[in-house]
Amino acid sequence: LAQGGHSVLFTVHQPSSEIYALFDKLMILVRGRTVYFGKANHAIEYFGELGYPVPTYSNPADHFMQLVNTDFEEDTPAGRDPETFVSAYADSDMSKTVMSSIEEDD
């Protein structure tokens, strides 16, 4: 479908590193709010710039989910509140570019 010019949207729960490497774009949501939307291969750099680099030999998807999913933790470490990631993305150039593109389409 994608090669025919159609957009393909799907969700993948805990993709392997090999599957993650096939993604063109990535959207990470927490509680229905955007934490990241952009090129999948740029997410590693993006979270690294926020102070959360992907550890060597780690699956990037697992790392991102551990960062933003605090539902199963009793105490969320400082700076790992999901709202921190939502705000960081909302203030980012990536978010502004996406929002500008959406407004142009209206």
PDB file of N, CA and C in Angstrom:
ATOM      1  N   LEU A   1       0.807  -1.201   0.000  1.00  0.00           N
ATOM      2  CA  LEU A   1       0.000   0.000   0.000  1.00  0.00           C
ATOM      3  C   LEU A   1       0.852   1.269   0.000  1.00  0.00           C
ATOM      4  N   ALA A   2       1.863   1.287   0.879  1.00  0.00           N
ATOM      5  CA  ALA A   2       2.699   2.475   0.994  1.00  0.00           C
ATOM      6  C   ALA A   2       3.388   2.800  -0.331  1.00  0.00           C
ATOM      7  N   GLN A   3       3.833   1.774  -1.038  1.00  0.00           N
ATOM      8  CA  GLN A   3       4.493   1.997  -2.325  1.00  0.00           C
ATOM      9  C   GLN A   3       3.524   2.541  -3.362  1.00  0.00           C
ATOM     10  N   GLY A   4       2.228   2.332  -3.137  1.00  0.00           N
ATOM     11  CA  GLY A   4       1.201   2.852  -4.038  1.00  0.00           C
ATOM     12  C   GLY A   4       0.763   4.257  -3.669  1.00  0.00           C
ATOM     13  N   GLY A   5       1.448   4.872  -2.717  1.00  0.00           N
ATOM     14  CA  GLY A   5       1.136   6.249  -2.339  1.00  0.00           C
ATOM     15  C   GLY A   5       0.126   6.381  -1.216  1.00  0.00           C
ATOM     16  N   HIS A   6      -0.235   5.275  -0.591  1.00  0.00           N
ATOM     17  CA  HIS A   6      -1.192   5.308   0.508  1.00  0.00           C
ATOM     18  C   HIS A   6      -0.468   5.380   1.847  1.00  0.00           C
ATOM     19  N   SER A   7      -1.064   6.103   2.780  1.00  0.00           N
ATOM     20  CA  SER A   7      -0.515   6.129   4.136  1.00  0.00           C
ATOM     21  C   SER A   7      -0.926   4.858   4.849  1.00  0.00           C
ATOM     22  N   VAL A   8      -0.015   4.322   5.642  1.00  0.00           N
ATOM     23  CA  VAL A   8      -0.297   3.124   6.425  1.00  0.00           C
ATOM     24  C   VAL A   8      -0.071   3.469   7.883  1.00  0.00           C
ATOM     25  N   LEU A   9      -1.075   3.240   8.697  1.00  0.00           N
ATOM     26  CA  LEU A   9      -1.010   3.543  10.122  1.00  0.00           C
ATOM     27  C   LEU A   9      -1.312   2.265  10.886  1.00  0.00           C
ATOM     28  N   PHE A  10      -0.476   1.958  11.851  1.00  0.00           N
ATOM     29  CA  PHE A  10      -0.719   0.783  12.669  1.00  0.00           C
ATOM     30  C   PHE A  10      -0.058   0.968  14.017  1.00  0.00           C
ATOM     31  N   THR A  11      -0.487   0.164  14.967  1.00  0.00           N
ATOM     32  CA  THR A  11       0.139   0.174  16.286  1.00  0.00           C
ATOM     33  C   THR A  11       0.884  -1.137  16.471  1.00  0.00           C
ATOM     34  N   VAL A  12       1.995  -1.053  17.141  1.00  0.00           N
ATOM     35  CA  VAL A  12       2.798  -2.235  17.412  1.00  0.00           C
ATOM     36  C   VAL A  12       3.157  -2.204  18.896  1.00  0.00           C
ATOM     37  N   HIS A  13       2.824  -3.261  19.573  1.00  0.00           N
ATOM     38  CA  HIS A  13       3.137  -3.365  20.998  1.00  0.00           C
ATOM     39  C   HIS A  13       4.483  -4.057  21.155  1.00  0.00           C
ATOM     40  N   GLN A  14       5.439  -3.366  21.718  1.00  0.00           N
ATOM     41  CA  GLN A  14       6.787  -3.869  21.968  1.00  0.00           C
ATOM     42  C   GLN A  14       7.465  -4.454  20.721  1.00  0.00           C
ATOM     43  N   PRO A  15       7.706  -3.616  19.719  1.00  0.00           N
ATOM     44  CA  PRO A  15       8.387  -4.131  18.525  1.00  0.00           C
ATOM     45  C   PRO A  15       9.837  -4.499  18.826  1.00  0.00           C
ATOM     46  N   SER A  16      10.327  -5.493  18.135  1.00  0.00           N
ATOM     47  CA  SER A  16      11.745  -5.850  18.259  1.00  0.00           C
ATOM     48  C   SER A  16      12.582  -4.737  17.641  1.00  0.00           C
ATOM     49  N   SER A  17      13.869  -4.756  17.883  1.00  0.00           N
ATOM     50  CA  SER A  17      14.769  -3.766  17.281  1.00  0.00           C
ATOM     51  C   SER A  17      14.722  -3.842  15.760  1.00  0.00           C
ATOM     52  N   GLU A  18      14.599  -5.061  15.238  1.00  0.00           N
ATOM     53  CA  GLU A  18      14.559  -5.251  13.793  1.00  0.00           C
ATOM     54  C   GLU A  18      13.296  -4.632  13.196  1.00  0.00           C
ATOM     55  N   ILE A  19      12.167  -4.809  13.850  1.00  0.00           N
ATOM     56  CA  ILE A  19      10.910  -4.217  13.372  1.00  0.00           C
ATOM     57  C   ILE A  19      10.969  -2.698  13.520  1.00  0.00           C
ATOM     58  N   TYR A  20      11.473  -2.222  14.650  1.00  0.00           N
ATOM     59  CA  TYR A  20      11.591  -0.778  14.869  1.00  0.00           C
ATOM     60  C   TYR A  20      12.402  -0.125  13.746  1.00  0.00           C
ATOM     61  N   ALA A  21      13.457  -0.774  13.311  1.00  0.00           N
ATOM     62  CA  ALA A  21      14.323  -0.221  12.255  1.00  0.00           C
ATOM     63  C   ALA A  21      13.585  -0.067  10.932  1.00  0.00           C
ATOM     64  N   LEU A  22      12.457  -0.727  10.761  1.00  0.00           N
ATOM     65  CA  LEU A  22      11.669  -0.622   9.526  1.00  0.00           C
ATOM     66  C   LEU A  22      10.719   0.577   9.525  1.00  0.00           C
ATOM     67  N   PHE A  23      10.498   1.194  10.679  1.00  0.00           N
ATOM     68  CA  PHE A  23       9.557   2.305  10.776  1.00  0.00           C
ATOM     69  C   PHE A  23      10.100   3.547  10.071  1.00  0.00           C
ATOM     70  N   ASP A  24       9.253   4.223   9.329  1.00  0.00           N
ATOM     71  CA  ASP A  24       9.609   5.513   8.742  1.00  0.00           C
ATOM     72  C   ASP A  24       9.352   6.622   9.757  1.00  0.00           C
ATOM     73  N   LYS A  25       8.140   6.655  10.274  1.00  0.00           N
ATOM     74  CA  LYS A  25       7.760   7.674  11.258  1.00  0.00           C
ATOM     75  C   LYS A  25       7.267   6.978  12.506  1.00  0.00           C
ATOM     76  N   LEU A  26       7.322   7.710  13.590  1.00  0.00           N
ATOM     77  CA  LEU A  26       6.969   7.161  14.894  1.00  0.00           C
ATOM     78  C   LEU A  26       6.157   8.186  15.661  1.00  0.00           C
ATOM     79  N   MET A  27       5.082   7.731  16.266  1.00  0.00           N
ATOM     80  CA  MET A  27       4.311   8.574  17.169  1.00  0.00           C
ATOM     81  C   MET A  27       4.242   7.846  18.505  1.00  0.00           C
ATOM     82  N   ILE A  28       4.639   8.541  19.554  1.00  0.00           N
ATOM     83  CA  ILE A  28       4.559   7.993  20.903  1.00  0.00           C
ATOM     84  C   ILE A  28       3.550   8.850  21.667  1.00  0.00           C
ATOM     85  N   LEU A  29       2.551   8.176  22.211  1.00  0.00           N
ATOM     86  CA  LEU A  29       1.516   8.853  22.980  1.00  0.00           C
ATOM     87  C   LEU A  29       1.577   8.380  24.419  1.00  0.00           C
ATOM     88  N   VAL A  30       1.232   9.265  25.319  1.00  0.00           N
ATOM     89  CA  VAL A  30       1.058   8.894  26.720  1.00  0.00           C
ATOM     90  C   VAL A  30      -0.237   9.552  27.182  1.00  0.00           C
ATOM     91  N   ARG A  31      -1.133   8.723  27.648  1.00  0.00           N
ATOM     92  CA  ARG A  31      -2.448   9.216  28.086  1.00  0.00           C
ATOM     93  C   ARG A  31      -3.121  10.050  27.002  1.00  0.00           C
ATOM     94  N   GLY A  32      -2.963   9.631  25.752  1.00  0.00           N
ATOM     95  CA  GLY A  32      -3.604  10.291  24.623  1.00  0.00           C
ATOM     96  C   GLY A  32      -2.925  11.563  24.148  1.00  0.00           C
ATOM     97  N   ARG A  33      -1.786  11.890  24.710  1.00  0.00           N
ATOM     98  CA  ARG A  33      -1.081  13.120  24.325  1.00  0.00           C
ATOM     99  C   ARG A  33       0.245  12.773  23.674  1.00  0.00           C
ATOM    100  N   THR A  34       0.654  13.597  22.721  1.00  0.00           N
ATOM    101  CA  THR A  34       1.858  13.316  21.944  1.00  0.00           C
ATOM    102  C   THR A  34       3.126  13.619  22.724  1.00  0.00           C
ATOM    103  N   VAL A  35       3.993  12.611  22.756  1.00  0.00           N
ATOM    104  CA  VAL A  35       5.309  12.739  23.371  1.00  0.00           C
ATOM    105  C   VAL A  35       6.363  12.881  22.285  1.00  0.00           C
ATOM    106  N   TYR A  36       6.103  12.261  21.138  1.00  0.00           N
ATOM    107  CA  TYR A  36       7.021  12.340  20.003  1.00  0.00           C
ATOM    108  C   TYR A  36       6.250  12.003  18.738  1.00  0.00           C
ATOM    109  N   PHE A  37       6.486  12.781  17.690  1.00  0.00           N
ATOM    110  CA  PHE A  37       6.000  12.439  16.361  1.00  0.00           C
ATOM    111  C   PHE A  37       7.023  12.965  15.366  1.00  0.00           C
ATOM    112  N   GLY A  38       7.616  12.044  14.641  1.00  0.00           N
ATOM    113  CA  GLY A  38       8.630  12.419  13.662  1.00  0.00           C
ATOM    114  C   GLY A  38       9.277  11.180  13.083  1.00  0.00           C
ATOM    115  N   LYS A  39      10.407  11.376  12.455  1.00  0.00           N
ATOM    116  CA  LYS A  39      11.129  10.249  11.881  1.00  0.00           C
ATOM    117  C   LYS A  39      11.557   9.304  12.995  1.00  0.00           C
ATOM    118  N   ALA A  40      11.336   8.029  12.770  1.00  0.00           N
ATOM    119  CA  ALA A  40      11.671   7.034  13.794  1.00  0.00           C
ATOM    120  C   ALA A  40      13.158   7.061  14.127  1.00  0.00           C
ATOM    121  N   ASN A  41      14.001   7.216  13.098  1.00  0.00           N
ATOM    122  CA  ASN A  41      15.444   7.205  13.363  1.00  0.00           C
ATOM    123  C   ASN A  41      15.914   8.472  14.064  1.00  0.00           C
ATOM    124  N   HIS A  42      15.098   9.503  14.115  1.00  0.00           N
ATOM    125  CA  HIS A  42      15.464  10.731  14.823  1.00  0.00           C
ATOM    126  C   HIS A  42      15.066  10.669  16.299  1.00  0.00           C
ATOM    127  N   ALA A  43      14.183   9.755  16.662  1.00  0.00           N
ATOM    128  CA  ALA A  43      13.718   9.664  18.054  1.00  0.00           C
ATOM    129  C   ALA A  43      14.870   9.376  19.015  1.00  0.00           C
ATOM    130  N   ILE A  44      15.829   8.588  18.564  1.00  0.00           N
ATOM    131  CA  ILE A  44      16.978   8.270  19.414  1.00  0.00           C
ATOM    132  C   ILE A  44      17.732   9.553  19.770  1.00  0.00           C
ATOM    133  N   GLU A  45      17.967  10.388  18.769  1.00  0.00           N
ATOM    134  CA  GLU A  45      18.649  11.667  18.997  1.00  0.00           C
ATOM    135  C   GLU A  45      17.788  12.598  19.857  1.00  0.00           C
ATOM    136  N   TYR A  46      16.494  12.650  19.561  1.00  0.00           N
ATOM    137  CA  TYR A  46      15.579  13.525  20.285  1.00  0.00           C
ATOM    138  C   TYR A  46      15.592  13.225  21.790  1.00  0.00           C
ATOM    139  N   PHE A  47      15.400  11.954  22.153  1.00  0.00           N
ATOM    140  CA  PHE A  47      15.381  11.609  23.576  1.00  0.00           C
ATOM    141  C   PHE A  47      16.764  11.766  24.197  1.00  0.00           C
ATOM    142  N   GLY A  48      17.814  11.557  23.416  1.00  0.00           N
ATOM    143  CA  GLY A  48      19.170  11.801  23.905  1.00  0.00           C
ATOM    144  C   GLY A  48      19.371  13.266  24.264  1.00  0.00           C
ATOM    145  N   GLU A  49      18.839  14.155  23.421  1.00  0.00           N
ATOM    146  CA  GLU A  49      18.948  15.592  23.694  1.00  0.00           C
ATOM    147  C   GLU A  49      18.169  15.995  24.942  1.00  0.00           C
ATOM    148  N   LEU A  50      17.132  15.217  25.271  1.00  0.00           N
ATOM    149  CA  LEU A  50      16.363  15.489  26.494  1.00  0.00           C
ATOM    150  C   LEU A  50      17.052  14.926  27.735  1.00  0.00           C
ATOM    151  N   GLY A  51      18.171  14.227  27.510  1.00  0.00           N
ATOM    152  CA  GLY A  51      18.903  13.652  28.629  1.00  0.00           C
ATOM    153  C   GLY A  51      18.612  12.183  28.878  1.00  0.00           C
ATOM    154  N   TYR A  52      17.974  11.538  27.905  1.00  0.00           N
ATOM    155  CA  TYR A  52      17.616  10.129  28.040  1.00  0.00           C
ATOM    156  C   TYR A  52      18.112   9.333  26.835  1.00  0.00           C
ATOM    157  N   PRO A  53      19.431   9.189  26.699  1.00  0.00           N
ATOM    158  CA  PRO A  53      19.962   8.445  25.552  1.00  0.00           C
ATOM    159  C   PRO A  53      19.591   6.962  25.629  1.00  0.00           C
ATOM    160  N   VAL A  54      19.459   6.349  24.477  1.00  0.00           N
ATOM    161  CA  VAL A  54      19.191   4.912  24.423  1.00  0.00           C
ATOM    162  C   VAL A  54      20.483   4.190  24.803  1.00  0.00           C
ATOM    163  N   PRO A  55      20.430   3.356  25.823  1.00  0.00           N
ATOM    164  CA  PRO A  55      21.641   2.620  26.218  1.00  0.00           C
ATOM    165  C   PRO A  55      22.141   1.720  25.078  1.00  0.00           C
ATOM    166  N   THR A  56      23.432   1.542  25.015  1.00  0.00           N
ATOM    167  CA  THR A  56      24.044   0.677  24.014  1.00  0.00           C
ATOM    168  C   THR A  56      23.424  -0.716  24.096  1.00  0.00           C
ATOM    169  N   TYR A  57      23.186  -1.303  22.953  1.00  0.00           N
ATOM    170  CA  TYR A  57      22.620  -2.653  22.827  1.00  0.00           C
ATOM    171  C   TYR A  57      21.191  -2.762  23.340  1.00  0.00           C
ATOM    172  N   SER A  58      20.497  -1.633  23.446  1.00  0.00           N
ATOM    173  CA  SER A  58      19.109  -1.648  23.904  1.00  0.00           C
ATOM    174  C   SER A  58      18.159  -1.456  22.731  1.00  0.00           C
ATOM    175  N   ASN A  59      16.964  -1.950  22.902  1.00  0.00           N
ATOM    176  CA  ASN A  59      15.910  -1.759  21.916  1.00  0.00           C
ATOM    177  C   ASN A  59      15.347  -0.349  22.117  1.00  0.00           C
ATOM    178  N   PRO A  60      15.417   0.515  21.102  1.00  0.00           N
ATOM    179  CA  PRO A  60      14.912   1.882  21.266  1.00  0.00           C
ATOM    180  C   PRO A  60      13.441   1.923  21.687  1.00  0.00           C
ATOM    181  N   ALA A  61      12.611   1.072  21.119  1.00  0.00           N
ATOM    182  CA  ALA A  61      11.185   1.076  21.470  1.00  0.00           C
ATOM    183  C   ALA A  61      10.986   0.758  22.946  1.00  0.00           C
ATOM    184  N   ASP A  62      11.700  -0.228  23.460  1.00  0.00           N
ATOM    185  CA  ASP A  62      11.604  -0.557  24.886  1.00  0.00           C
ATOM    186  C   ASP A  62      12.039   0.625  25.746  1.00  0.00           C
ATOM    187  N   HIS A  63      13.122   1.262  25.345  1.00  0.00           N
ATOM    188  CA  HIS A  63      13.638   2.410  26.106  1.00  0.00           C
ATOM    189  C   HIS A  63      12.600   3.532  26.162  1.00  0.00           C
ATOM    190  N   PHE A  64      12.009   3.864  25.019  1.00  0.00           N
ATOM    191  CA  PHE A  64      11.029   4.955  24.982  1.00  0.00           C
ATOM    192  C   PHE A  64       9.808   4.628  25.843  1.00  0.00           C
ATOM    193  N   MET A  65       9.346   3.387  25.773  1.00  0.00           N
ATOM    194  CA  MET A  65       8.172   3.004  26.559  1.00  0.00           C
ATOM    195  C   MET A  65       8.469   3.018  28.053  1.00  0.00           C
ATOM    196  N   GLN A  66       9.661   2.604  28.436  1.00  0.00           N
ATOM    197  CA  GLN A  66      10.034   2.656  29.856  1.00  0.00           C
ATOM    198  C   GLN A  66      10.105   4.097  30.354  1.00  0.00           C
ATOM    199  N   LEU A  67      10.510   5.005  29.481  1.00  0.00           N
ATOM    200  CA  LEU A  67      10.588   6.414  29.875  1.00  0.00           C
ATOM    201  C   LEU A  67       9.209   7.010  30.122  1.00  0.00           C
ATOM    202  N   VAL A  68       8.295   6.792  29.203  1.00  0.00           N
ATOM    203  CA  VAL A  68       7.023   7.520  29.256  1.00  0.00           C
ATOM    204  C   VAL A  68       5.918   6.778  29.992  1.00  0.00           C
ATOM    205  N   ASN A  69       6.040   5.465  30.151  1.00  0.00           N
ATOM    206  CA  ASN A  69       5.000   4.705  30.828  1.00  0.00           C
ATOM    207  C   ASN A  69       5.362   4.548  32.301  1.00  0.00           C
ATOM    208  N   THR A  70       4.740   5.357  33.117  1.00  0.00           N
ATOM    209  CA  THR A  70       5.014   5.309  34.557  1.00  0.00           C
ATOM    210  C   THR A  70       3.839   4.702  35.314  1.00  0.00           C
ATOM    211  N   ASP A  71       2.910   4.079  34.608  1.00  0.00           N
ATOM    212  CA  ASP A  71       1.712   3.528  35.243  1.00  0.00           C
ATOM    213  C   ASP A  71       2.015   2.453  36.287  1.00  0.00           C
ATOM    214  N   PHE A  72       3.127   1.762  36.135  1.00  0.00           N
ATOM    215  CA  PHE A  72       3.417   0.644  37.018  1.00  0.00           C
ATOM    216  C   PHE A  72       4.503   0.956  38.041  1.00  0.00           C
ATOM    217  N   GLU A  73       4.843   2.231  38.179  1.00  0.00           N
ATOM    218  CA  GLU A  73       5.859   2.646  39.136  1.00  0.00           C
ATOM    219  C   GLU A  73       5.193   3.358  40.307  1.00  0.00           C
ATOM    220  N   GLU A  74       5.641   3.049  41.508  1.00  0.00           N
ATOM    221  CA  GLU A  74       5.084   3.712  42.682  1.00  0.00           C
ATOM    222  C   GLU A  74       5.558   5.156  42.767  1.00  0.00           C
ATOM    223  N   ASP A  75       6.854   5.367  42.547  1.00  0.00           N
ATOM    224  CA  ASP A  75       7.427   6.709  42.586  1.00  0.00           C
ATOM    225  C   ASP A  75       8.079   6.985  41.242  1.00  0.00           C
ATOM    226  N   THR A  76       7.612   8.032  40.577  1.00  0.00           N
ATOM    227  CA  THR A  76       8.196   8.407  39.298  1.00  0.00           C
ATOM    228  C   THR A  76       9.439   9.237  39.557  1.00  0.00           C
ATOM    229  N   PRO A  77      10.593   8.833  39.001  1.00  0.00           N
ATOM    230  CA  PRO A  77      11.809   9.628  39.186  1.00  0.00           C
ATOM    231  C   PRO A  77      11.629  11.065  38.696  1.00  0.00           C
ATOM    232  N   ALA A  78      12.292  11.982  39.333  1.00  0.00           N
ATOM    233  CA  ALA A  78      12.220  13.400  38.949  1.00  0.00           C
ATOM    234  C   ALA A  78      12.550  13.559  37.471  1.00  0.00           C
ATOM    235  N   GLY A  79      11.757  14.354  36.780  1.00  0.00           N
ATOM    236  CA  GLY A  79      11.996  14.612  35.365  1.00  0.00           C
ATOM    237  C   GLY A  79      11.389  13.569  34.454  1.00  0.00           C
ATOM    238  N   ARG A  80      10.876  12.477  35.014  1.00  0.00           N
ATOM    239  CA  ARG A  80      10.280  11.427  34.196  1.00  0.00           C
ATOM    240  C   ARG A  80       8.767  11.468  34.241  1.00  0.00           C
ATOM    241  N   ASP A  81       8.211  12.510  34.784  1.00  0.00           N
ATOM    242  CA  ASP A  81       6.769  12.677  34.751  1.00  0.00           C
ATOM    243  C   ASP A  81       6.361  12.765  33.281  1.00  0.00           C
ATOM    244  N   PRO A  82       5.362  11.996  32.847  1.00  0.00           N
ATOM    245  CA  PRO A  82       4.959  12.046  31.442  1.00  0.00           C
ATOM    246  C   PRO A  82       4.680  13.465  30.948  1.00  0.00           C
ATOM    247  N   GLU A  83       4.207  14.306  31.827  1.00  0.00           N
ATOM    248  CA  GLU A  83       3.903  15.688  31.436  1.00  0.00           C
ATOM    249  C   GLU A  83       5.163  16.428  30.969  1.00  0.00           C
ATOM    250  N   THR A  84       6.317  16.051  31.514  1.00  0.00           N
ATOM    251  CA  THR A  84       7.590  16.650  31.097  1.00  0.00           C
ATOM    252  C   THR A  84       7.844  16.359  29.621  1.00  0.00           C
ATOM    253  N   PHE A  85       7.588  15.109  29.197  1.00  0.00           N
ATOM    254  CA  PHE A  85       7.806  14.733  27.809  1.00  0.00           C
ATOM    255  C   PHE A  85       6.768  15.366  26.886  1.00  0.00           C
ATOM    256  N   VAL A  86       5.525  15.457  27.355  1.00  0.00           N
ATOM    257  CA  VAL A  86       4.469  16.096  26.560  1.00  0.00           C
ATOM    258  C   VAL A  86       4.825  17.562  26.328  1.00  0.00           C
ATOM    259  N   SER A  87       5.251  18.253  27.374  1.00  0.00           N
ATOM    260  CA  SER A  87       5.616  19.667  27.261  1.00  0.00           C
ATOM    261  C   SER A  87       6.841  19.867  26.366  1.00  0.00           C
ATOM    262  N   ALA A  88       7.826  18.987  26.515  1.00  0.00           N
ATOM    263  CA  ALA A  88       9.036  19.104  25.696  1.00  0.00           C
ATOM    264  C   ALA A  88       8.701  18.978  24.222  1.00  0.00           C
ATOM    265  N   TYR A  89       7.834  18.024  23.886  1.00  0.00           N
ATOM    266  CA  TYR A  89       7.459  17.860  22.483  1.00  0.00           C
ATOM    267  C   TYR A  89       6.640  19.058  22.005  1.00  0.00           C
ATOM    268  N   ALA A  90       5.685  19.503  22.813  1.00  0.00           N
ATOM    269  CA  ALA A  90       4.833  20.633  22.419  1.00  0.00           C
ATOM    270  C   ALA A  90       5.655  21.885  22.136  1.00  0.00           C
ATOM    271  N   ASP A  91       6.766  22.049  22.837  1.00  0.00           N
ATOM    272  CA  ASP A  91       7.633  23.214  22.659  1.00  0.00           C
ATOM    273  C   ASP A  91       8.684  23.014  21.567  1.00  0.00           C
ATOM    274  N   SER A  92       8.751  21.826  20.996  1.00  0.00           N
ATOM    275  CA  SER A  92       9.804  21.513  20.025  1.00  0.00           C
ATOM    276  C   SER A  92       9.503  22.060  18.631  1.00  0.00           C
ATOM    277  N   ASP A  93      10.557  22.209  17.850  1.00  0.00           N
ATOM    278  CA  ASP A  93      10.402  22.626  16.454  1.00  0.00           C
ATOM    279  C   ASP A  93       9.622  21.593  15.655  1.00  0.00           C
ATOM    280  N   MET A  94       9.804  20.308  15.991  1.00  0.00           N
ATOM    281  CA  MET A  94       9.065  19.247  15.286  1.00  0.00           C
ATOM    282  C   MET A  94       7.563  19.460  15.444  1.00  0.00           C
ATOM    283  N   SER A  95       7.128  19.711  16.658  1.00  0.00           N
ATOM    284  CA  SER A  95       5.704  19.915  16.923  1.00  0.00           C
ATOM    285  C   SER A  95       5.184  21.138  16.166  1.00  0.00           C
ATOM    286  N   LYS A  96       5.951  22.203  16.181  1.00  0.00           N
ATOM    287  CA  LYS A  96       5.529  23.425  15.485  1.00  0.00           C
ATOM    288  C   LYS A  96       5.409  23.188  13.983  1.00  0.00           C
ATOM    289  N   THR A  97       6.316  22.404  13.421  1.00  0.00           N
ATOM    290  CA  THR A  97       6.268  22.091  11.995  1.00  0.00           C
ATOM    291  C   THR A  97       5.025  21.264  11.669  1.00  0.00           C
ATOM    292  N   VAL A  98       4.744  20.275  12.503  1.00  0.00           N
ATOM    293  CA  VAL A  98       3.560  19.435  12.289  1.00  0.00           C
ATOM    294  C   VAL A  98       2.298  20.274  12.384  1.00  0.00           C
ATOM    295  N   MET A  99       2.197  21.102  13.417  1.00  0.00           N
ATOM    296  CA  MET A  99       1.006  21.922  13.595  1.00  0.00           C
ATOM    297  C   MET A  99       0.830  22.907  12.441  1.00  0.00           C
ATOM    298  N   SER A 100       1.914  23.478  11.964  1.00  0.00           N
ATOM    299  CA  SER A 100       1.865  24.397  10.822  1.00  0.00           C
ATOM    300  C   SER A 100       1.359  23.671   9.581  1.00  0.00           C
ATOM    301  N   SER A 101       1.832  22.465   9.367  1.00  0.00           N
ATOM    302  CA  SER A 101       1.408  21.669   8.226  1.00  0.00           C
ATOM    303  C   SER A 101      -0.078  21.352   8.292  1.00  0.00           C
ATOM    304  N   ILE A 102      -0.572  21.028   9.483  1.00  0.00           N
ATOM    305  CA  ILE A 102      -1.984  20.727   9.660  1.00  0.00           C
ATOM    306  C   ILE A 102      -2.831  21.969   9.388  1.00  0.00           C
ATOM    307  N   GLU A 103      -2.388  23.107   9.895  1.00  0.00           N
ATOM    308  CA  GLU A 103      -3.135  24.352   9.689  1.00  0.00           C
ATOM    309  C   GLU A 103      -3.168  24.744   8.221  1.00  0.00           C
ATOM    310  N   GLU A 104      -2.094  24.466   7.470  1.00  0.00           N
ATOM    311  CA  GLU A 104      -2.062  24.778   6.040  1.00  0.00           C
ATOM    312  C   GLU A 104      -3.050  23.931   5.267  1.00  0.00           C
ATOM    313  N   ASP A 105      -3.279  22.704   5.732  1.00  0.00           N
ATOM    314  CA  ASP A 105      -4.203  21.793   5.045  1.00  0.00           C
ATOM    315  C   ASP A 105      -5.657  22.159   5.261  1.00  0.00           C
ATOM    316  N   ASP A 106      -5.941  22.942   6.301  1.00  0.00           N
ATOM    317  CA  ASP A 106      -7.345  23.309   6.595  1.00  0.00           C
ATOM    318  C   ASP A 106      -7.870  24.312   5.648  1.00  0.00           C
TER     319      ASP A 106
END
